[in-house]
Amino acid sequence: MRNFNPHSSSSERAVQAWQILVGKAMNRQTMTYELLSQLMYRKDAAGVLASILGHIAFYCEDNGLPPLTSIVVGKGGGKPGVGIPVDRANIDELRERVYTCDWYDVYQPTCSELEASFNKRQ
């Protein structure tokens, strides 16, 4: 058995974040970057989520899925961070698409699938 650890790659951490976000989406919840980092790292881990969430955002884009990362928001404004590729003008509509998607019917992406989508943009 393997566990996520401080040496896990961004694509491995993206698999971990996917699991968390799918659970939140299926319960129609948003979550803050701070809470996500606490769940993943057991501490505030400012600055480490951009690449991880980028993997997920680009995978969703490549596969015609609603932007799962649109449910991760900043503490103050309730919107995704500037570096996350999402249409902020239509954020409520996008979140509704995320909430109505049957994520439990979608196979969880592998590290290599997430990495391939991310690397196409680099």
C-alpha atoms as a PDB file:
ATOM      1  CA  MET A   1       0.000   0.000   0.000  1.00  0.00           C
ATOM      2  CA  ARG A   2       1.162   3.495  -0.830  1.00  0.00           C
ATOM      3  CA  ASN A   3       0.353   6.728   0.957  1.00  0.00           C
ATOM      4  CA  PHE A   4       0.586  10.315  -0.199  1.00  0.00           C
ATOM      5  CA  ASN A   5       3.656  11.892   1.349  1.00  0.00           C
ATOM      6  CA  PRO A   6       5.766  15.058   1.137  1.00  0.00           C
ATOM      7  CA  HIS A   7       7.636  13.583  -1.833  1.00  0.00           C
ATOM      8  CA  SER A   8       4.519  12.820  -3.912  1.00  0.00           C
ATOM      9  CA  SER A   9       4.584  14.498  -7.328  1.00  0.00           C
ATOM     10  CA  SER A  10       2.066  17.132  -8.408  1.00  0.00           C
ATOM     11  CA  SER A  11       0.268  14.564 -10.569  1.00  0.00           C
ATOM     12  CA  GLU A  12       0.031  12.173  -7.600  1.00  0.00           C
ATOM     13  CA  ARG A  13      -1.269  14.978  -5.413  1.00  0.00           C
ATOM     14  CA  ALA A  14      -3.771  15.824  -8.190  1.00  0.00           C
ATOM     15  CA  VAL A  15      -5.196  12.299  -7.843  1.00  0.00           C
ATOM     16  CA  GLN A  16      -5.561  12.964  -4.112  1.00  0.00           C
ATOM     17  CA  ALA A  17      -7.214  16.354  -4.713  1.00  0.00           C
ATOM     18  CA  TRP A  18      -9.546  14.763  -7.308  1.00  0.00           C
ATOM     19  CA  GLN A  19     -10.877  12.385  -4.636  1.00  0.00           C
ATOM     20  CA  ILE A  20     -11.547  15.232  -2.230  1.00  0.00           C
ATOM     21  CA  LEU A  21     -13.136  17.509  -4.843  1.00  0.00           C
ATOM     22  CA  VAL A  22     -15.424  14.797  -6.188  1.00  0.00           C
ATOM     23  CA  GLY A  23     -16.770  14.200  -2.680  1.00  0.00           C
ATOM     24  CA  LYS A  24     -17.403  17.918  -2.228  1.00  0.00           C
ATOM     25  CA  ALA A  25     -18.996  18.262  -5.671  1.00  0.00           C
ATOM     26  CA  MET A  26     -21.371  15.387  -5.052  1.00  0.00           C
ATOM     27  CA  ASN A  27     -22.481  17.189  -1.870  1.00  0.00           C
ATOM     28  CA  ARG A  28     -22.827  20.537  -3.698  1.00  0.00           C
ATOM     29  CA  GLN A  29     -20.078  22.149  -1.611  1.00  0.00           C
ATOM     30  CA  THR A  30     -17.310  24.599  -2.307  1.00  0.00           C
ATOM     31  CA  MET A  31     -14.111  24.552  -0.294  1.00  0.00           C
ATOM     32  CA  THR A  32     -11.317  27.022   0.345  1.00  0.00           C
ATOM     33  CA  TYR A  33      -7.728  26.594  -0.774  1.00  0.00           C
ATOM     34  CA  GLU A  34      -6.798  26.629   2.900  1.00  0.00           C
ATOM     35  CA  LEU A  35      -9.120  23.733   3.767  1.00  0.00           C
ATOM     36  CA  LEU A  36      -7.944  21.732   0.755  1.00  0.00           C
ATOM     37  CA  SER A  37      -4.305  22.195   1.761  1.00  0.00           C
ATOM     38  CA  GLN A  38      -5.130  21.190   5.346  1.00  0.00           C
ATOM     39  CA  LEU A  39      -6.845  18.012   4.144  1.00  0.00           C
ATOM     40  CA  MET A  40      -3.977  17.143   1.811  1.00  0.00           C
ATOM     41  CA  TYR A  41      -0.949  18.271   3.833  1.00  0.00           C
ATOM     42  CA  ARG A  42      -2.340  18.451   7.385  1.00  0.00           C
ATOM     43  CA  LYS A  43      -1.244  22.125   7.464  1.00  0.00           C
ATOM     44  CA  ASP A  44      -1.659  25.372   5.564  1.00  0.00           C
ATOM     45  CA  ALA A  45       0.393  24.884   2.428  1.00  0.00           C
ATOM     46  CA  ALA A  46       0.175  28.204   0.637  1.00  0.00           C
ATOM     47  CA  GLY A  47       1.408  28.243  -2.937  1.00  0.00           C
ATOM     48  CA  VAL A  48       1.457  24.516  -3.613  1.00  0.00           C
ATOM     49  CA  LEU A  49      -2.035  23.986  -5.013  1.00  0.00           C
ATOM     50  CA  ALA A  50      -1.739  25.883  -8.311  1.00  0.00           C
ATOM     51  CA  SER A  51       0.078  23.105 -10.158  1.00  0.00           C
ATOM     52  CA  ILE A  52      -2.028  20.393  -8.542  1.00  0.00           C
ATOM     53  CA  LEU A  53      -5.304  22.084  -9.453  1.00  0.00           C
ATOM     54  CA  GLY A  54      -3.912  22.900 -12.900  1.00  0.00           C
ATOM     55  CA  HIS A  55      -3.563  19.181 -13.569  1.00  0.00           C
ATOM     56  CA  ILE A  56      -7.243  18.689 -12.738  1.00  0.00           C
ATOM     57  CA  ALA A  57      -8.472  21.775 -14.594  1.00  0.00           C
ATOM     58  CA  PHE A  58      -6.693  20.839 -17.815  1.00  0.00           C
ATOM     59  CA  TYR A  59      -7.796  17.203 -17.569  1.00  0.00           C
ATOM     60  CA  CYS A  60     -11.423  18.311 -17.212  1.00  0.00           C
ATOM     61  CA  GLU A  61     -10.998  20.662 -20.176  1.00  0.00           C
ATOM     62  CA  ASP A  62      -9.417  17.953 -22.339  1.00  0.00           C
ATOM     63  CA  ASN A  63     -12.165  15.451 -21.538  1.00  0.00           C
ATOM     64  CA  GLY A  64     -15.256  17.627 -21.800  1.00  0.00           C
ATOM     65  CA  LEU A  65     -15.919  17.533 -18.061  1.00  0.00           C
ATOM     66  CA  PRO A  66     -17.231  20.464 -16.026  1.00  0.00           C
ATOM     67  CA  PRO A  67     -14.390  22.409 -14.355  1.00  0.00           C
ATOM     68  CA  LEU A  68     -14.098  20.526 -11.060  1.00  0.00           C
ATOM     69  CA  THR A  69     -11.616  23.095  -9.755  1.00  0.00           C
ATOM     70  CA  SER A  70     -14.281  25.818  -9.891  1.00  0.00           C
ATOM     71  CA  ILE A  71     -15.496  24.699  -6.454  1.00  0.00           C
ATOM     72  CA  VAL A  72     -12.161  25.647  -4.826  1.00  0.00           C
ATOM     73  CA  VAL A  73     -12.332  29.260  -3.689  1.00  0.00           C
ATOM     74  CA  GLY A  74     -10.410  31.934  -1.839  1.00  0.00           C
ATOM     75  CA  LYS A  75     -11.463  32.783   1.714  1.00  0.00           C
ATOM     76  CA  GLY A  76     -12.507  36.321   0.923  1.00  0.00           C
ATOM     77  CA  GLY A  77     -14.145  36.489  -2.462  1.00  0.00           C
ATOM     78  CA  GLY A  78     -15.582  33.017  -2.863  1.00  0.00           C
ATOM     79  CA  LYS A  79     -14.079  32.696  -6.341  1.00  0.00           C
ATOM     80  CA  PRO A  80     -11.287  30.532  -7.796  1.00  0.00           C
ATOM     81  CA  GLY A  81      -7.796  32.001  -7.777  1.00  0.00           C
ATOM     82  CA  VAL A  82      -6.462  33.987 -10.706  1.00  0.00           C
ATOM     83  CA  GLY A  83      -4.151  31.201 -11.896  1.00  0.00           C
ATOM     84  CA  ILE A  84      -6.942  28.624 -12.209  1.00  0.00           C
ATOM     85  CA  PRO A  85      -8.262  28.379 -15.786  1.00  0.00           C
ATOM     86  CA  VAL A  86     -11.980  28.995 -15.332  1.00  0.00           C
ATOM     87  CA  ASP A  87     -14.446  31.522 -16.766  1.00  0.00           C
ATOM     88  CA  ARG A  88     -15.064  33.753 -13.742  1.00  0.00           C
ATOM     89  CA  ALA A  89     -17.883  35.614 -15.498  1.00  0.00           C
ATOM     90  CA  ASN A  90     -19.950  32.417 -15.561  1.00  0.00           C
ATOM     91  CA  ILE A  91     -18.756  30.868 -12.307  1.00  0.00           C
ATOM     92  CA  ASP A  92     -22.226  30.107 -10.925  1.00  0.00           C
ATOM     93  CA  GLU A  93     -23.243  28.338 -14.139  1.00  0.00           C
ATOM     94  CA  LEU A  94     -19.985  26.375 -14.181  1.00  0.00           C
ATOM     95  CA  ARG A  95     -20.401  25.299 -10.558  1.00  0.00           C
ATOM     96  CA  GLU A  96     -23.937  24.152 -11.284  1.00  0.00           C
ATOM     97  CA  ARG A  97     -22.538  21.962 -14.083  1.00  0.00           C
ATOM     98  CA  VAL A  98     -20.013  20.555 -11.605  1.00  0.00           C
ATOM     99  CA  TYR A  99     -22.741  19.861  -9.042  1.00  0.00           C
ATOM    100  CA  THR A 100     -25.028  18.108 -11.523  1.00  0.00           C
ATOM    101  CA  CYS A 101     -22.308  15.912 -13.029  1.00  0.00           C
ATOM    102  CA  ASP A 102     -22.365  12.313 -11.802  1.00  0.00           C
ATOM    103  CA  TRP A 103     -18.707  12.249 -10.766  1.00  0.00           C
ATOM    104  CA  TYR A 104     -19.086   8.791  -9.256  1.00  0.00           C
ATOM    105  CA  ASP A 105     -19.736   7.529 -12.785  1.00  0.00           C
ATOM    106  CA  VAL A 106     -16.444   9.012 -14.066  1.00  0.00           C
ATOM    107  CA  TYR A 107     -13.308   6.912 -13.706  1.00  0.00           C
ATOM    108  CA  GLN A 108     -10.734   8.711 -11.603  1.00  0.00           C
ATOM    109  CA  PRO A 109      -7.865   9.833 -13.832  1.00  0.00           C
ATOM    110  CA  THR A 110      -4.436   8.308 -13.401  1.00  0.00           C
ATOM    111  CA  CYS A 111      -1.316  10.277 -12.582  1.00  0.00           C
ATOM    112  CA  SER A 112      -0.111   9.907 -16.159  1.00  0.00           C
ATOM    113  CA  GLU A 113      -3.428  11.133 -17.622  1.00  0.00           C
ATOM    114  CA  LEU A 114      -3.407  14.187 -15.370  1.00  0.00           C
ATOM    115  CA  GLU A 115       0.242  14.844 -16.149  1.00  0.00           C
ATOM    116  CA  ALA A 116      -0.326  14.576 -19.914  1.00  0.00           C
ATOM    117  CA  SER A 117      -3.077  17.199 -19.810  1.00  0.00           C
ATOM    118  CA  PHE A 118      -0.929  19.490 -17.688  1.00  0.00           C
ATOM    119  CA  ASN A 119       2.193  19.065 -19.810  1.00  0.00           C
ATOM    120  CA  LYS A 120       0.334  20.001 -23.011  1.00  0.00           C
ATOM    121  CA  ARG A 121      -0.024  23.520 -21.563  1.00  0.00           C
ATOM    122  CA  GLN A 122       3.588  23.939 -20.437  1.00  0.00           C
END
